[in-house]
Amino acid sequence: MIWHRDVALGALPLAWARAENAHQADVYIRPARGARWPVAFVDDVDTDRAHHVAAAHAVLVVQTSRQGGCHLWLACQHP
């Protein structure tokens, strides 16, 4: 586990995480526990549906498998 607290999104080591995951490392990034965040998390969304949701809403789409499964992090008005 790597804990990044009070780090701007642009400063997160995303390139490192991508490179590690290319070698089957399973690096997973999520908001820290113990706080409320203005996002809703949805798992196991097929790629076509994820693209459809992304076209209509503020959302981060993370493709989690080559078969097409995605995580969706939907931006919300309130935590």
PDB file of N, CA and C in Angstrom:
ATOM      1  N   MET A   1       0.848  -1.186   0.000  1.00  0.00           N
ATOM      2  CA  MET A   1       0.000   0.000   0.000  1.00  0.00           C
ATOM      3  C   MET A   1       0.883   1.236   0.000  1.00  0.00           C
ATOM      4  N   ILE A   2       0.548   2.165  -0.850  1.00  0.00           N
ATOM      5  CA  ILE A   2       1.239   3.450  -0.892  1.00  0.00           C
ATOM      6  C   ILE A   2       0.214   4.508  -0.525  1.00  0.00           C
ATOM      7  N   TRP A   3       0.529   5.283   0.462  1.00  0.00           N
ATOM      8  CA  TRP A   3      -0.402   6.294   0.950  1.00  0.00           C
ATOM      9  C   TRP A   3       0.046   7.663   0.476  1.00  0.00           C
ATOM     10  N   HIS A   4      -0.762   8.338  -0.312  1.00  0.00           N
ATOM     11  CA  HIS A   4      -0.489   9.710  -0.746  1.00  0.00           C
ATOM     12  C   HIS A   4      -1.575  10.583  -0.162  1.00  0.00           C
ATOM     13  N   ARG A   5      -1.197  11.399   0.772  1.00  0.00           N
ATOM     14  CA  ARG A   5      -2.144  12.274   1.440  1.00  0.00           C
ATOM     15  C   ARG A   5      -1.788  13.713   1.116  1.00  0.00           C
ATOM     16  N   ASP A   6      -2.784  14.505   0.846  1.00  0.00           N
ATOM     17  CA  ASP A   6      -2.585  15.918   0.527  1.00  0.00           C
ATOM     18  C   ASP A   6      -1.692  16.104  -0.701  1.00  0.00           C
ATOM     19  N   VAL A   7      -1.912  15.276  -1.715  1.00  0.00           N
ATOM     20  CA  VAL A   7      -1.164  15.371  -2.968  1.00  0.00           C
ATOM     21  C   VAL A   7      -2.157  15.745  -4.069  1.00  0.00           C
ATOM     22  N   ALA A   8      -1.805  16.734  -4.861  1.00  0.00           N
ATOM     23  CA  ALA A   8      -2.679  17.141  -5.964  1.00  0.00           C
ATOM     24  C   ALA A   8      -2.823  15.992  -6.959  1.00  0.00           C
ATOM     25  N   LEU A   9      -3.972  15.900  -7.622  1.00  0.00           N
ATOM     26  CA  LEU A   9      -4.197  14.812  -8.580  1.00  0.00           C
ATOM     27  C   LEU A   9      -3.106  14.746  -9.642  1.00  0.00           C
ATOM     28  N   GLY A  10      -2.656  15.897 -10.111  1.00  0.00           N
ATOM     29  CA  GLY A  10      -1.623  15.932 -11.133  1.00  0.00           C
ATOM     30  C   GLY A  10      -0.267  15.436 -10.656  1.00  0.00           C
ATOM     31  N   ALA A  11      -0.089  15.349  -9.343  1.00  0.00           N
ATOM     32  CA  ALA A  11       1.192  14.907  -8.788  1.00  0.00           C
ATOM     33  C   ALA A  11       1.196  13.420  -8.421  1.00  0.00           C
ATOM     34  N   LEU A  12       0.057  12.745  -8.579  1.00  0.00           N
ATOM     35  CA  LEU A  12       0.022  11.315  -8.271  1.00  0.00           C
ATOM     36  C   LEU A  12       0.862  10.535  -9.281  1.00  0.00           C
ATOM     37  N   PRO A  13       1.471   9.434  -8.863  1.00  0.00           N
ATOM     38  CA  PRO A  13       2.352   8.664  -9.756  1.00  0.00           C
ATOM     39  C   PRO A  13       1.574   7.752 -10.705  1.00  0.00           C
ATOM     40  N   LEU A  14       0.721   8.344 -11.533  1.00  0.00           N
ATOM     41  CA  LEU A  14      -0.134   7.541 -12.403  1.00  0.00           C
ATOM     42  C   LEU A  14       0.654   6.812 -13.487  1.00  0.00           C
ATOM     43  N   ALA A  15       1.703   7.436 -14.026  1.00  0.00           N
ATOM     44  CA  ALA A  15       2.516   6.758 -15.040  1.00  0.00           C
ATOM     45  C   ALA A  15       3.169   5.512 -14.441  1.00  0.00           C
ATOM     46  N   TRP A  16       3.638   5.619 -13.212  1.00  0.00           N
ATOM     47  CA  TRP A  16       4.218   4.466 -12.522  1.00  0.00           C
ATOM     48  C   TRP A  16       3.171   3.367 -12.347  1.00  0.00           C
ATOM     49  N   ALA A  17       1.974   3.740 -11.905  1.00  0.00           N
ATOM     50  CA  ALA A  17       0.911   2.752 -11.702  1.00  0.00           C
ATOM     51  C   ALA A  17       0.570   2.047 -13.013  1.00  0.00           C
ATOM     52  N   ARG A  18       0.463   2.808 -14.107  1.00  0.00           N
ATOM     53  CA  ARG A  18       0.184   2.214 -15.416  1.00  0.00           C
ATOM     54  C   ARG A  18       1.272   1.220 -15.814  1.00  0.00           C
ATOM     55  N   ALA A  19       2.525   1.611 -15.623  1.00  0.00           N
ATOM     56  CA  ALA A  19       3.641   0.734 -15.984  1.00  0.00           C
ATOM     57  C   ALA A  19       3.636  -0.538 -15.145  1.00  0.00           C
ATOM     58  N   GLU A  20       3.373  -0.412 -13.865  1.00  0.00           N
ATOM     59  CA  GLU A  20       3.318  -1.588 -12.995  1.00  0.00           C
ATOM     60  C   GLU A  20       2.163  -2.500 -13.380  1.00  0.00           C
ATOM     61  N   ASN A  21       1.014  -1.922 -13.673  1.00  0.00           N
ATOM     62  CA  ASN A  21      -0.151  -2.730 -14.036  1.00  0.00           C
ATOM     63  C   ASN A  21       0.044  -3.440 -15.372  1.00  0.00           C
ATOM     64  N   ALA A  22       0.849  -2.863 -16.246  1.00  0.00           N
ATOM     65  CA  ALA A  22       1.155  -3.536 -17.515  1.00  0.00           C
ATOM     66  C   ALA A  22       1.891  -4.850 -17.267  1.00  0.00           C
ATOM     67  N   HIS A  23       2.516  -4.950 -16.088  1.00  0.00           N
ATOM     68  CA  HIS A  23       3.227  -6.179 -15.696  1.00  0.00           C
ATOM     69  C   HIS A  23       2.437  -6.966 -14.650  1.00  0.00           C
ATOM     70  N   GLN A  24       1.110  -6.805 -14.658  1.00  0.00           N
ATOM     71  CA  GLN A  24       0.205  -7.563 -13.784  1.00  0.00           C
ATOM     72  C   GLN A  24       0.366  -7.236 -12.301  1.00  0.00           C
ATOM     73  N   ALA A  25       0.700  -6.002 -11.947  1.00  0.00           N
ATOM     74  CA  ALA A  25       0.915  -5.630 -10.548  1.00  0.00           C
ATOM     75  C   ALA A  25      -0.385  -5.365  -9.791  1.00  0.00           C
ATOM     76  N   ASP A  26      -1.470  -5.034 -10.481  1.00  0.00           N
ATOM     77  CA  ASP A  26      -2.751  -4.728  -9.841  1.00  0.00           C
ATOM     78  C   ASP A  26      -2.677  -3.539  -8.882  1.00  0.00           C
ATOM     79  N   VAL A  27      -2.038  -2.452  -9.308  1.00  0.00           N
ATOM     80  CA  VAL A  27      -2.042  -1.217  -8.522  1.00  0.00           C
ATOM     81  C   VAL A  27      -3.432  -0.609  -8.646  1.00  0.00           C
ATOM     82  N   TYR A  28      -4.016  -0.239  -7.523  1.00  0.00           N
ATOM     83  CA  TYR A  28      -5.379   0.264  -7.476  1.00  0.00           C
ATOM     84  C   TYR A  28      -5.378   1.607  -6.754  1.00  0.00           C
ATOM     85  N   ILE A  29      -6.005   2.598  -7.333  1.00  0.00           N
ATOM     86  CA  ILE A  29      -6.055   3.935  -6.746  1.00  0.00           C
ATOM     87  C   ILE A  29      -7.498   4.251  -6.391  1.00  0.00           C
ATOM     88  N   ARG A  30      -7.697   4.755  -5.191  1.00  0.00           N
ATOM     89  CA  ARG A  30      -9.036   5.123  -4.740  1.00  0.00           C
ATOM     90  C   ARG A  30      -8.929   6.243  -3.714  1.00  0.00           C
ATOM     91  N   PRO A  31     -10.029   6.937  -3.443  1.00  0.00           N
ATOM     92  CA  PRO A  31      -9.995   7.960  -2.400  1.00  0.00           C
ATOM     93  C   PRO A  31      -9.690   7.324  -1.038  1.00  0.00           C
ATOM     94  N   ALA A  32      -9.068   8.089  -0.175  1.00  0.00           N
ATOM     95  CA  ALA A  32      -8.691   7.597   1.151  1.00  0.00           C
ATOM     96  C   ALA A  32      -9.916   7.279   1.997  1.00  0.00           C
ATOM     97  N   ARG A  33      -9.777   6.264   2.813  1.00  0.00           N
ATOM     98  CA  ARG A  33     -10.835   5.930   3.771  1.00  0.00           C
ATOM     99  C   ARG A  33     -10.876   6.974   4.867  1.00  0.00           C
ATOM    100  N   GLY A  34     -11.997   7.011   5.579  1.00  0.00           N
ATOM    101  CA  GLY A  34     -12.110   7.886   6.726  1.00  0.00           C
ATOM    102  C   GLY A  34     -12.588   9.290   6.388  1.00  0.00           C
ATOM    103  N   ALA A  35     -12.928   9.524   5.130  1.00  0.00           N
ATOM    104  CA  ALA A  35     -13.443  10.836   4.734  1.00  0.00           C
ATOM    105  C   ALA A  35     -14.586  10.618   3.749  1.00  0.00           C
ATOM    106  N   ARG A  36     -15.417  11.616   3.630  1.00  0.00           N
ATOM    107  CA  ARG A  36     -16.509  11.557   2.656  1.00  0.00           C
ATOM    108  C   ARG A  36     -16.041  12.234   1.387  1.00  0.00           C
ATOM    109  N   TRP A  37     -16.336  11.628   0.231  1.00  0.00           N
ATOM    110  CA  TRP A  37     -15.900  12.147  -1.052  1.00  0.00           C
ATOM    111  C   TRP A  37     -17.101  12.331  -1.968  1.00  0.00           C
ATOM    112  N   PRO A  38     -17.088  13.350  -2.808  1.00  0.00           N
ATOM    113  CA  PRO A  38     -18.220  13.591  -3.708  1.00  0.00           C
ATOM    114  C   PRO A  38     -18.148  12.731  -4.974  1.00  0.00           C
ATOM    115  N   VAL A  39     -18.056  11.415  -4.795  1.00  0.00           N
ATOM    116  CA  VAL A  39     -18.033  10.481  -5.918  1.00  0.00           C
ATOM    117  C   VAL A  39     -18.867   9.252  -5.588  1.00  0.00           C
ATOM    118  N   ALA A  40     -19.393   8.635  -6.622  1.00  0.00           N
ATOM    119  CA  ALA A  40     -20.070   7.345  -6.492  1.00  0.00           C
ATOM    120  C   ALA A  40     -19.269   6.340  -7.323  1.00  0.00           C
ATOM    121  N   PHE A  41     -19.027   5.173  -6.776  1.00  0.00           N
ATOM    122  CA  PHE A  41     -18.215   4.143  -7.426  1.00  0.00           C
ATOM    123  C   PHE A  41     -19.120   3.035  -7.959  1.00  0.00           C
ATOM    124  N   VAL A  42     -18.923   2.673  -9.228  1.00  0.00           N
ATOM    125  CA  VAL A  42     -19.679   1.577  -9.840  1.00  0.00           C
ATOM    126  C   VAL A  42     -18.657   0.615 -10.454  1.00  0.00           C
ATOM    127  N   ASP A  43     -18.822  -0.675 -10.214  1.00  0.00           N
ATOM    128  CA  ASP A  43     -17.871  -1.686 -10.670  1.00  0.00           C
ATOM    129  C   ASP A  43     -18.495  -2.576 -11.744  1.00  0.00           C
ATOM    130  N   ASP A  44     -17.642  -3.222 -12.515  1.00  0.00           N
ATOM    131  CA  ASP A  44     -18.044  -4.206 -13.530  1.00  0.00           C
ATOM    132  C   ASP A  44     -19.006  -3.640 -14.576  1.00  0.00           C
ATOM    133  N   VAL A  45     -18.655  -2.506 -15.141  1.00  0.00           N
ATOM    134  CA  VAL A  45     -19.451  -1.878 -16.198  1.00  0.00           C
ATOM    135  C   VAL A  45     -18.792  -2.218 -17.532  1.00  0.00           C
ATOM    136  N   ASP A  46     -19.585  -2.686 -18.507  1.00  0.00           N
ATOM    137  CA  ASP A  46     -18.977  -3.021 -19.798  1.00  0.00           C
ATOM    138  C   ASP A  46     -18.539  -1.737 -20.501  1.00  0.00           C
ATOM    139  N   THR A  47     -17.568  -1.858 -21.396  1.00  0.00           N
ATOM    140  CA  THR A  47     -16.926  -0.708 -22.029  1.00  0.00           C
ATOM    141  C   THR A  47     -17.910   0.180 -22.782  1.00  0.00           C
ATOM    142  N   ASP A  48     -18.823  -0.407 -23.550  1.00  0.00           N
ATOM    143  CA  ASP A  48     -19.790   0.400 -24.300  1.00  0.00           C
ATOM    144  C   ASP A  48     -20.652   1.239 -23.368  1.00  0.00           C
ATOM    145  N   ARG A  49     -21.128   0.640 -22.303  1.00  0.00           N
ATOM    146  CA  ARG A  49     -21.956   1.378 -21.343  1.00  0.00           C
ATOM    147  C   ARG A  49     -21.125   2.460 -20.652  1.00  0.00           C
ATOM    148  N   ALA A  50     -19.876   2.155 -20.326  1.00  0.00           N
ATOM    149  CA  ALA A  50     -19.007   3.142 -19.684  1.00  0.00           C
ATOM    150  C   ALA A  50     -18.820   4.358 -20.587  1.00  0.00           C
ATOM    151  N   HIS A  51     -18.609   4.134 -21.882  1.00  0.00           N
ATOM    152  CA  HIS A  51     -18.476   5.253 -22.825  1.00  0.00           C
ATOM    153  C   HIS A  51     -19.769   6.053 -22.907  1.00  0.00           C
ATOM    154  N   HIS A  52     -20.897   5.380 -22.871  1.00  0.00           N
ATOM    155  CA  HIS A  52     -22.190   6.057 -22.911  1.00  0.00           C
ATOM    156  C   HIS A  52     -22.374   6.949 -21.676  1.00  0.00           C
ATOM    157  N   VAL A  53     -22.050   6.420 -20.508  1.00  0.00           N
ATOM    158  CA  VAL A  53     -22.167   7.198 -19.273  1.00  0.00           C
ATOM    159  C   VAL A  53     -21.202   8.384 -19.309  1.00  0.00           C
ATOM    160  N   ALA A  54     -19.971   8.156 -19.785  1.00  0.00           N
ATOM    161  CA  ALA A  54     -18.965   9.224 -19.827  1.00  0.00           C
ATOM    162  C   ALA A  54     -19.371  10.353 -20.765  1.00  0.00           C
ATOM    163  N   ALA A  55     -20.124  10.043 -21.795  1.00  0.00           N
ATOM    164  CA  ALA A  55     -20.578  11.080 -22.729  1.00  0.00           C
ATOM    165  C   ALA A  55     -21.623  11.991 -22.105  1.00  0.00           C
ATOM    166  N   ALA A  56     -22.291  11.508 -21.067  1.00  0.00           N
ATOM    167  CA  ALA A  56     -23.398  12.264 -20.482  1.00  0.00           C
ATOM    168  C   ALA A  56     -23.108  12.839 -19.100  1.00  0.00           C
ATOM    169  N   HIS A  57     -22.060  12.348 -18.428  1.00  0.00           N
ATOM    170  CA  HIS A  57     -21.823  12.741 -17.034  1.00  0.00           C
ATOM    171  C   HIS A  57     -20.334  12.986 -16.782  1.00  0.00           C
ATOM    172  N   ALA A  58     -20.041  13.706 -15.689  1.00  0.00           N
ATOM    173  CA  ALA A  58     -18.661  13.879 -15.237  1.00  0.00           C
ATOM    174  C   ALA A  58     -18.255  12.584 -14.539  1.00  0.00           C
ATOM    175  N   VAL A  59     -17.368  11.822 -15.180  1.00  0.00           N
ATOM    176  CA  VAL A  59     -17.030  10.500 -14.669  1.00  0.00           C
ATOM    177  C   VAL A  59     -15.599  10.147 -15.056  1.00  0.00           C
ATOM    178  N   LEU A  60     -14.934   9.418 -14.186  1.00  0.00           N
ATOM    179  CA  LEU A  60     -13.638   8.826 -14.499  1.00  0.00           C
ATOM    180  C   LEU A  60     -13.903   7.366 -14.820  1.00  0.00           C
ATOM    181  N   VAL A  61     -13.453   6.924 -15.989  1.00  0.00           N
ATOM    182  CA  VAL A  61     -13.618   5.529 -16.406  1.00  0.00           C
ATOM    183  C   VAL A  61     -12.256   4.857 -16.336  1.00  0.00           C
ATOM    184  N   VAL A  62     -12.181   3.742 -15.624  1.00  0.00           N
ATOM    185  CA  VAL A  62     -10.947   2.970 -15.508  1.00  0.00           C
ATOM    186  C   VAL A  62     -11.222   1.575 -16.051  1.00  0.00           C
ATOM    187  N   GLN A  63     -10.591   1.245 -17.174  1.00  0.00           N
ATOM    188  CA  GLN A  63     -10.754  -0.112 -17.717  1.00  0.00           C
ATOM    189  C   GLN A  63      -9.920  -1.038 -16.859  1.00  0.00           C
ATOM    190  N   THR A  64     -10.563  -1.997 -16.222  1.00  0.00           N
ATOM    191  CA  THR A  64      -9.890  -2.856 -15.249  1.00  0.00           C
ATOM    192  C   THR A  64      -9.555  -4.235 -15.788  1.00  0.00           C
ATOM    193  N   SER A  65     -10.011  -4.546 -16.989  1.00  0.00           N
ATOM    194  CA  SER A  65      -9.658  -5.834 -17.583  1.00  0.00           C
ATOM    195  C   SER A  65      -9.655  -5.711 -19.097  1.00  0.00           C
ATOM    196  N   ARG A  66      -8.895  -6.559 -19.733  1.00  0.00           N
ATOM    197  CA  ARG A  66      -8.852  -6.560 -21.191  1.00  0.00           C
ATOM    198  C   ARG A  66     -10.167  -7.031 -21.788  1.00  0.00           C
ATOM    199  N   GLN A  67     -10.945  -7.759 -21.024  1.00  0.00           N
ATOM    200  CA  GLN A  67     -12.241  -8.237 -21.503  1.00  0.00           C
ATOM    201  C   GLN A  67     -13.266  -7.111 -21.552  1.00  0.00           C
ATOM    202  N   GLY A  68     -12.967  -5.962 -20.947  1.00  0.00           N
ATOM    203  CA  GLY A  68     -13.851  -4.820 -21.075  1.00  0.00           C
ATOM    204  C   GLY A  68     -14.524  -4.357 -19.812  1.00  0.00           C
ATOM    205  N   GLY A  69     -14.194  -4.922 -18.672  1.00  0.00           N
ATOM    206  CA  GLY A  69     -14.788  -4.445 -17.425  1.00  0.00           C
ATOM    207  C   GLY A  69     -14.221  -3.092 -17.040  1.00  0.00           C
ATOM    208  N   CYS A  70     -15.058  -2.228 -16.491  1.00  0.00           N
ATOM    209  CA  CYS A  70     -14.622  -0.884 -16.102  1.00  0.00           C
ATOM    210  C   CYS A  70     -15.131  -0.525 -14.720  1.00  0.00           C
ATOM    211  N   HIS A  71     -14.384   0.343 -14.051  1.00  0.00           N
ATOM    212  CA  HIS A  71     -14.858   1.038 -12.861  1.00  0.00           C
ATOM    213  C   HIS A  71     -15.310   2.412 -13.326  1.00  0.00           C
ATOM    214  N   LEU A  72     -16.368   2.918 -12.730  1.00  0.00           N
ATOM    215  CA  LEU A  72     -16.811   4.285 -12.967  1.00  0.00           C
ATOM    216  C   LEU A  72     -16.772   5.040 -11.649  1.00  0.00           C
ATOM    217  N   TRP A  73     -16.160   6.203 -11.662  1.00  0.00           N
ATOM    218  CA  TRP A  73     -16.171   7.115 -10.536  1.00  0.00           C
ATOM    219  C   TRP A  73     -16.982   8.329 -10.983  1.00  0.00           C
ATOM    220  N   LEU A  74     -18.219   8.407 -10.552  1.00  0.00           N
ATOM    221  CA  LEU A  74     -19.132   9.486 -10.954  1.00  0.00           C
ATOM    222  C   LEU A  74     -19.026  10.659  -9.994  1.00  0.00           C
ATOM    223  N   ALA A  75     -18.807  11.843 -10.547  1.00  0.00           N
ATOM    224  CA  ALA A  75     -18.755  13.058  -9.734  1.00  0.00           C
ATOM    225  C   ALA A  75     -20.159  13.378  -9.230  1.00  0.00           C
ATOM    226  N   CYS A  76     -20.260  13.740  -7.947  1.00  0.00           N
ATOM    227  CA  CYS A  76     -21.546  14.058  -7.320  1.00  0.00           C
ATOM    228  C   CYS A  76     -21.517  15.496  -6.798  1.00  0.00           C
ATOM    229  N   GLN A  77     -22.669  16.027  -6.522  1.00  0.00           N
ATOM    230  CA  GLN A  77     -22.786  17.377  -5.963  1.00  0.00           C
ATOM    231  C   GLN A  77     -22.355  17.420  -4.503  1.00  0.00           C
ATOM    232  N   HIS A  78     -22.601  16.347  -3.760  1.00  0.00           N
ATOM    233  CA  HIS A  78     -22.327  16.310  -2.331  1.00  0.00           C
ATOM    234  C   HIS A  78     -21.629  14.997  -1.952  1.00  0.00           C
ATOM    235  N   PRO A  79     -20.799  15.022  -0.937  1.00  0.00           N
ATOM    236  CA  PRO A  79     -20.181  13.757  -0.492  1.00  0.00           C
ATOM    237  C   PRO A  79     -21.210  12.783   0.042  1.00  0.00           C
TER     238      PRO A  79
END
